[in-house]
Amino acid sequence: MGFIDDAKDTAETAGRKIKDAWEDTADRIGDKIDEKKADAEVKKAEAERDSVHKRNDIKEELRDD
């Protein structure tokens, strides 16, 4: 029975390693998605800021005329 027990332990260990690798991969994918979303939000905020600055510059020019 020692051989069967060793095979069982090896299979369980392999199963745990596969599960852990899958969870790590899923976490990494989730982290990348979060990173891309954050980058997109930053770009949107920067574009909005630039738009407001431009709009304010135009308003200021119109006031000066």
PDB file of N, CA and C in Angstrom:
ATOM      1  N   MET A   1       0.809  -1.197   0.000  1.00  0.00           N
ATOM      2  CA  MET A   1       0.000   0.000   0.000  1.00  0.00           C
ATOM      3  C   MET A   1       0.850   1.258   0.000  1.00  0.00           C
ATOM      4  N   GLY A   2       2.111   1.151   0.292  1.00  0.00           N
ATOM      5  CA  GLY A   2       2.977   2.310   0.338  1.00  0.00           C
ATOM      6  C   GLY A   2       3.062   3.006  -1.007  1.00  0.00           C
ATOM      7  N   PHE A   3       3.092   2.231  -2.091  1.00  0.00           N
ATOM      8  CA  PHE A   3       3.173   2.805  -3.426  1.00  0.00           C
ATOM      9  C   PHE A   3       1.913   3.592  -3.755  1.00  0.00           C
ATOM     10  N   ILE A   4       0.767   3.054  -3.391  1.00  0.00           N
ATOM     11  CA  ILE A   4      -0.513   3.722  -3.663  1.00  0.00           C
ATOM     12  C   ILE A   4      -0.607   5.009  -2.850  1.00  0.00           C
ATOM     13  N   ASP A   5      -0.172   4.954  -1.607  1.00  0.00           N
ATOM     14  CA  ASP A   5      -0.202   6.160  -0.768  1.00  0.00           C
ATOM     15  C   ASP A   5       0.727   7.233  -1.331  1.00  0.00           C
ATOM     16  N   ASP A   6       1.897   6.831  -1.792  1.00  0.00           N
ATOM     17  CA  ASP A   6       2.835   7.787  -2.389  1.00  0.00           C
ATOM     18  C   ASP A   6       2.238   8.411  -3.651  1.00  0.00           C
ATOM     19  N   ALA A   7       1.601   7.593  -4.464  1.00  0.00           N
ATOM     20  CA  ALA A   7       0.978   8.091  -5.692  1.00  0.00           C
ATOM     21  C   ALA A   7      -0.151   9.050  -5.359  1.00  0.00           C
ATOM     22  N   LYS A   8      -0.909   8.717  -4.331  1.00  0.00           N
ATOM     23  CA  LYS A   8      -2.017   9.573  -3.904  1.00  0.00           C
ATOM     24  C   LYS A   8      -1.477  10.918  -3.416  1.00  0.00           C
ATOM     25  N   ASP A   9      -0.441  10.887  -2.598  1.00  0.00           N
ATOM     26  CA  ASP A   9       0.167  12.130  -2.095  1.00  0.00           C
ATOM     27  C   ASP A   9       0.723  12.970  -3.235  1.00  0.00           C
ATOM     28  N   THR A  10       1.363  12.311  -4.188  1.00  0.00           N
ATOM     29  CA  THR A  10       1.924  13.014  -5.345  1.00  0.00           C
ATOM     30  C   THR A  10       0.808  13.664  -6.160  1.00  0.00           C
ATOM     31  N   ALA A  11      -0.272  12.935  -6.353  1.00  0.00           N
ATOM     32  CA  ALA A  11      -1.407  13.478  -7.111  1.00  0.00           C
ATOM     33  C   ALA A  11      -2.034  14.666  -6.374  1.00  0.00           C
ATOM     34  N   GLU A  12      -2.175  14.552  -5.061  1.00  0.00           N
ATOM     35  CA  GLU A  12      -2.740  15.654  -4.287  1.00  0.00           C
ATOM     36  C   GLU A  12      -1.842  16.887  -4.339  1.00  0.00           C
ATOM     37  N   THR A  13      -0.539  16.657  -4.232  1.00  0.00           N
ATOM     38  CA  THR A  13       0.418  17.766  -4.314  1.00  0.00           C
ATOM     39  C   THR A  13       0.353  18.425  -5.685  1.00  0.00           C
ATOM     40  N   ALA A  14       0.303  17.628  -6.726  1.00  0.00           N
ATOM     41  CA  ALA A  14       0.209  18.169  -8.082  1.00  0.00           C
ATOM     42  C   ALA A  14      -1.087  18.953  -8.250  1.00  0.00           C
ATOM     43  N   GLY A  15      -2.158  18.421  -7.713  1.00  0.00           N
ATOM     44  CA  GLY A  15      -3.444  19.111  -7.784  1.00  0.00           C
ATOM     45  C   GLY A  15      -3.411  20.453  -7.079  1.00  0.00           C
ATOM     46  N   ARG A  16      -2.793  20.506  -5.903  1.00  0.00           N
ATOM     47  CA  ARG A  16      -2.669  21.768  -5.161  1.00  0.00           C
ATOM     48  C   ARG A  16      -1.827  22.773  -5.935  1.00  0.00           C
ATOM     49  N   LYS A  17      -0.732  22.289  -6.527  1.00  0.00           N
ATOM     50  CA  LYS A  17       0.132  23.189  -7.294  1.00  0.00           C
ATOM     51  C   LYS A  17      -0.595  23.744  -8.508  1.00  0.00           C
ATOM     52  N   ILE A  18      -1.362  22.903  -9.181  1.00  0.00           N
ATOM     53  CA  ILE A  18      -2.131  23.366 -10.334  1.00  0.00           C
ATOM     54  C   ILE A  18      -3.171  24.386  -9.893  1.00  0.00           C
ATOM     55  N   LYS A  19      -3.850  24.108  -8.805  1.00  0.00           N
ATOM     56  CA  LYS A  19      -4.859  25.039  -8.271  1.00  0.00           C
ATOM     57  C   LYS A  19      -4.209  26.369  -7.902  1.00  0.00           C
ATOM     58  N   ASP A  20      -3.079  26.316  -7.218  1.00  0.00           N
ATOM     59  CA  ASP A  20      -2.374  27.540  -6.826  1.00  0.00           C
ATOM     60  C   ASP A  20      -1.920  28.339  -8.048  1.00  0.00           C
ATOM     61  N   ALA A  21      -1.419  27.634  -9.050  1.00  0.00           N
ATOM     62  CA  ALA A  21      -0.977  28.310 -10.276  1.00  0.00           C
ATOM     63  C   ALA A  21      -2.162  28.970 -10.967  1.00  0.00           C
ATOM     64  N   TRP A  22      -3.296  28.290 -11.007  1.00  0.00           N
ATOM     65  CA  TRP A  22      -4.498  28.857 -11.619  1.00  0.00           C
ATOM     66  C   TRP A  22      -4.945  30.110 -10.867  1.00  0.00           C
ATOM     67  N   GLU A  23      -4.956  30.040  -9.540  1.00  0.00           N
ATOM     68  CA  GLU A  23      -5.360  31.197  -8.742  1.00  0.00           C
ATOM     69  C   GLU A  23      -4.399  32.368  -8.929  1.00  0.00           C
ATOM     70  N   ASP A  24      -3.108  32.083  -8.981  1.00  0.00           N
ATOM     71  CA  ASP A  24      -2.112  33.136  -9.213  1.00  0.00           C
ATOM     72  C   ASP A  24      -2.324  33.788 -10.574  1.00  0.00           C
ATOM     73  N   THR A  25      -2.586  32.969 -11.585  1.00  0.00           N
ATOM     74  CA  THR A  25      -2.818  33.500 -12.929  1.00  0.00           C
ATOM     75  C   THR A  25      -4.077  34.362 -12.952  1.00  0.00           C
ATOM     76  N   ALA A  26      -5.122  33.897 -12.311  1.00  0.00           N
ATOM     77  CA  ALA A  26      -6.368  34.660 -12.248  1.00  0.00           C
ATOM     78  C   ALA A  26      -6.140  35.986 -11.520  1.00  0.00           C
ATOM     79  N   ASP A  27      -5.377  35.965 -10.434  1.00  0.00           N
ATOM     80  CA  ASP A  27      -5.070  37.197  -9.702  1.00  0.00           C
ATOM     81  C   ASP A  27      -4.266  38.164 -10.571  1.00  0.00           C
ATOM     82  N   ARG A  28      -3.297  37.638 -11.296  1.00  0.00           N
ATOM     83  CA  ARG A  28      -2.481  38.498 -12.168  1.00  0.00           C
ATOM     84  C   ARG A  28      -3.330  39.143 -13.259  1.00  0.00           C
ATOM     85  N   ILE A  29      -4.236  38.359 -13.831  1.00  0.00           N
ATOM     86  CA  ILE A  29      -5.124  38.899 -14.868  1.00  0.00           C
ATOM     87  C   ILE A  29      -6.007  39.986 -14.266  1.00  0.00           C
ATOM     88  N   GLY A  30      -6.550  39.734 -13.091  1.00  0.00           N
ATOM     89  CA  GLY A  30      -7.375  40.736 -12.414  1.00  0.00           C
ATOM     90  C   GLY A  30      -6.596  41.998 -12.113  1.00  0.00           C
ATOM     91  N   ASP A  31      -5.350  41.832 -11.686  1.00  0.00           N
ATOM     92  CA  ASP A  31      -4.505  42.991 -11.403  1.00  0.00           C
ATOM     93  C   ASP A  31      -4.247  43.807 -12.667  1.00  0.00           C
ATOM     94  N   LYS A  32      -3.989  43.134 -13.773  1.00  0.00           N
ATOM     95  CA  LYS A  32      -3.745  43.832 -15.046  1.00  0.00           C
ATOM     96  C   LYS A  32      -4.997  44.589 -15.491  1.00  0.00           C
ATOM     97  N   ILE A  33      -6.153  43.962 -15.328  1.00  0.00           N
ATOM     98  CA  ILE A  33      -7.406  44.619 -15.691  1.00  0.00           C
ATOM     99  C   ILE A  33      -7.599  45.873 -14.851  1.00  0.00           C
ATOM    100  N   ASP A  34      -7.373  45.751 -13.542  1.00  0.00           N
ATOM    101  CA  ASP A  34      -7.488  46.911 -12.657  1.00  0.00           C
ATOM    102  C   ASP A  34      -6.514  48.010 -13.060  1.00  0.00           C
ATOM    103  N   GLU A  35      -5.301  47.622 -13.422  1.00  0.00           N
ATOM    104  CA  GLU A  35      -4.283  48.588 -13.838  1.00  0.00           C
ATOM    105  C   GLU A  35      -4.715  49.326 -15.106  1.00  0.00           C
ATOM    106  N   LYS A  36      -5.241  48.586 -16.075  1.00  0.00           N
ATOM    107  CA  LYS A  36      -5.686  49.200 -17.333  1.00  0.00           C
ATOM    108  C   LYS A  36      -6.870  50.132 -17.088  1.00  0.00           C
ATOM    109  N   LYS A  37      -7.783  49.735 -16.212  1.00  0.00           N
ATOM    110  CA  LYS A  37      -8.924  50.597 -15.880  1.00  0.00           C
ATOM    111  C   LYS A  37      -8.447  51.892 -15.228  1.00  0.00           C
ATOM    112  N   ALA A  38      -7.509  51.772 -14.312  1.00  0.00           N
ATOM    113  CA  ALA A  38      -6.972  52.957 -13.635  1.00  0.00           C
ATOM    114  C   ALA A  38      -6.269  53.875 -14.630  1.00  0.00           C
ATOM    115  N   ASP A  39      -5.498  53.294 -15.544  1.00  0.00           N
ATOM    116  CA  ASP A  39      -4.828  54.096 -16.572  1.00  0.00           C
ATOM    117  C   ASP A  39      -5.848  54.828 -17.435  1.00  0.00           C
ATOM    118  N   ALA A  40      -6.924  54.140 -17.794  1.00  0.00           N
ATOM    119  CA  ALA A  40      -7.964  54.761 -18.614  1.00  0.00           C
ATOM    120  C   ALA A  40      -8.629  55.910 -17.862  1.00  0.00           C
ATOM    121  N   GLU A  41      -8.871  55.728 -16.562  1.00  0.00           N
ATOM    122  CA  GLU A  41      -9.480  56.791 -15.766  1.00  0.00           C
ATOM    123  C   GLU A  41      -8.564  58.000 -15.674  1.00  0.00           C
ATOM    124  N   VAL A  42      -7.277  57.757 -15.535  1.00  0.00           N
ATOM    125  CA  VAL A  42      -6.311  58.853 -15.468  1.00  0.00           C
ATOM    126  C   VAL A  42      -6.294  59.618 -16.790  1.00  0.00           C
ATOM    127  N   LYS A  43      -6.266  58.887 -17.892  1.00  0.00           N
ATOM    128  CA  LYS A  43      -6.255  59.537 -19.207  1.00  0.00           C
ATOM    129  C   LYS A  43      -7.524  60.349 -19.413  1.00  0.00           C
ATOM    130  N   LYS A  44      -8.652  59.822 -18.977  1.00  0.00           N
ATOM    131  CA  LYS A  44      -9.918  60.543 -19.106  1.00  0.00           C
ATOM    132  C   LYS A  44      -9.878  61.817 -18.273  1.00  0.00           C
ATOM    133  N   ALA A  45      -9.386  61.715 -17.052  1.00  0.00           N
ATOM    134  CA  ALA A  45      -9.295  62.883 -16.179  1.00  0.00           C
ATOM    135  C   ALA A  45      -8.342  63.928 -16.752  1.00  0.00           C
ATOM    136  N   GLU A  46      -7.229  63.485 -17.309  1.00  0.00           N
ATOM    137  CA  GLU A  46      -6.274  64.425 -17.914  1.00  0.00           C
ATOM    138  C   GLU A  46      -6.891  65.119 -19.124  1.00  0.00           C
ATOM    139  N   ALA A  47      -7.627  64.369 -19.929  1.00  0.00           N
ATOM    140  CA  ALA A  47      -8.276  64.966 -21.099  1.00  0.00           C
ATOM    141  C   ALA A  47      -9.328  65.979 -20.660  1.00  0.00           C
ATOM    142  N   GLU A  48     -10.069  65.652 -19.623  1.00  0.00           N
ATOM    143  CA  GLU A  48     -11.075  66.582 -19.108  1.00  0.00           C
ATOM    144  C   GLU A  48     -10.409  67.845 -18.562  1.00  0.00           C
ATOM    145  N   ARG A  49      -9.308  67.675 -17.855  1.00  0.00           N
ATOM    146  CA  ARG A  49      -8.564  68.820 -17.327  1.00  0.00           C
ATOM    147  C   ARG A  49      -8.079  69.716 -18.457  1.00  0.00           C
ATOM    148  N   ASP A  50      -7.511  69.098 -19.486  1.00  0.00           N
ATOM    149  CA  ASP A  50      -7.018  69.866 -20.629  1.00  0.00           C
ATOM    150  C   ASP A  50      -8.156  70.605 -21.316  1.00  0.00           C
ATOM    151  N   SER A  51      -9.295  69.949 -21.408  1.00  0.00           N
ATOM    152  CA  SER A  51     -10.463  70.574 -22.027  1.00  0.00           C
ATOM    153  C   SER A  51     -10.914  71.794 -21.228  1.00  0.00           C
ATOM    154  N   VAL A  52     -10.945  71.667 -19.923  1.00  0.00           N
ATOM    155  CA  VAL A  52     -11.344  72.787 -19.064  1.00  0.00           C
ATOM    156  C   VAL A  52     -10.351  73.929 -19.192  1.00  0.00           C
ATOM    157  N   HIS A  53      -9.065  73.614 -19.208  1.00  0.00           N
ATOM    158  CA  HIS A  53      -8.049  74.661 -19.371  1.00  0.00           C
ATOM    159  C   HIS A  53      -8.227  75.393 -20.705  1.00  0.00           C
ATOM    160  N   LYS A  54      -8.449  74.628 -21.750  1.00  0.00           N
ATOM    161  CA  LYS A  54      -8.621  75.226 -23.075  1.00  0.00           C
ATOM    162  C   LYS A  54      -9.867  76.106 -23.094  1.00  0.00           C
ATOM    163  N   ARG A  55     -10.951  75.605 -22.538  1.00  0.00           N
ATOM    164  CA  ARG A  55     -12.200  76.368 -22.488  1.00  0.00           C
ATOM    165  C   ARG A  55     -12.011  77.658 -21.707  1.00  0.00           C
ATOM    166  N   ASN A  56     -11.309  77.579 -20.591  1.00  0.00           N
ATOM    167  CA  ASN A  56     -11.055  78.768 -19.783  1.00  0.00           C
ATOM    168  C   ASN A  56     -10.161  79.760 -20.521  1.00  0.00           C
ATOM    169  N   ASP A  57      -9.180  79.256 -21.249  1.00  0.00           N
ATOM    170  CA  ASP A  57      -8.311  80.132 -22.040  1.00  0.00           C
ATOM    171  C   ASP A  57      -9.116  80.877 -23.101  1.00  0.00           C
ATOM    172  N   ILE A  58     -10.004  80.158 -23.764  1.00  0.00           N
ATOM    173  CA  ILE A  58     -10.839  80.786 -24.795  1.00  0.00           C
ATOM    174  C   ILE A  58     -11.751  81.843 -24.179  1.00  0.00           C
ATOM    175  N   LYS A  59     -12.353  81.516 -23.041  1.00  0.00           N
ATOM    176  CA  LYS A  59     -13.211  82.501 -22.361  1.00  0.00           C
ATOM    177  C   LYS A  59     -12.426  83.730 -21.968  1.00  0.00           C
ATOM    178  N   GLU A  60     -11.223  83.529 -21.481  1.00  0.00           N
ATOM    179  CA  GLU A  60     -10.379  84.656 -21.081  1.00  0.00           C
ATOM    180  C   GLU A  60     -10.022  85.537 -22.280  1.00  0.00           C
ATOM    181  N   GLU A  61      -9.722  84.902 -23.410  1.00  0.00           N
ATOM    182  CA  GLU A  61      -9.413  85.661 -24.627  1.00  0.00           C
ATOM    183  C   GLU A  61     -10.631  86.479 -25.063  1.00  0.00           C
ATOM    184  N   LEU A  62     -11.813  85.890 -24.970  1.00  0.00           N
ATOM    185  CA  LEU A  62     -13.023  86.613 -25.358  1.00  0.00           C
ATOM    186  C   LEU A  62     -13.293  87.802 -24.426  1.00  0.00           C
ATOM    187  N   ARG A  63     -12.979  87.648 -23.171  1.00  0.00           N
ATOM    188  CA  ARG A  63     -13.179  88.753 -22.223  1.00  0.00           C
ATOM    189  C   ARG A  63     -12.223  89.913 -22.510  1.00  0.00           C
ATOM    190  N   ASP A  64     -11.019  89.549 -22.931  1.00  0.00           N
ATOM    191  CA  ASP A  64     -10.008  90.580 -23.197  1.00  0.00           C
ATOM    192  C   ASP A  64     -10.341  91.401 -24.434  1.00  0.00           C
ATOM    193  N   ASP A  65     -11.094  90.831 -25.349  1.00  0.00           N
ATOM    194  CA  ASP A  65     -11.404  91.555 -26.604  1.00  0.00           C
ATOM    195  C   ASP A  65     -12.450  92.574 -26.432  1.00  0.00           C
TER     196      ASP A  65
END
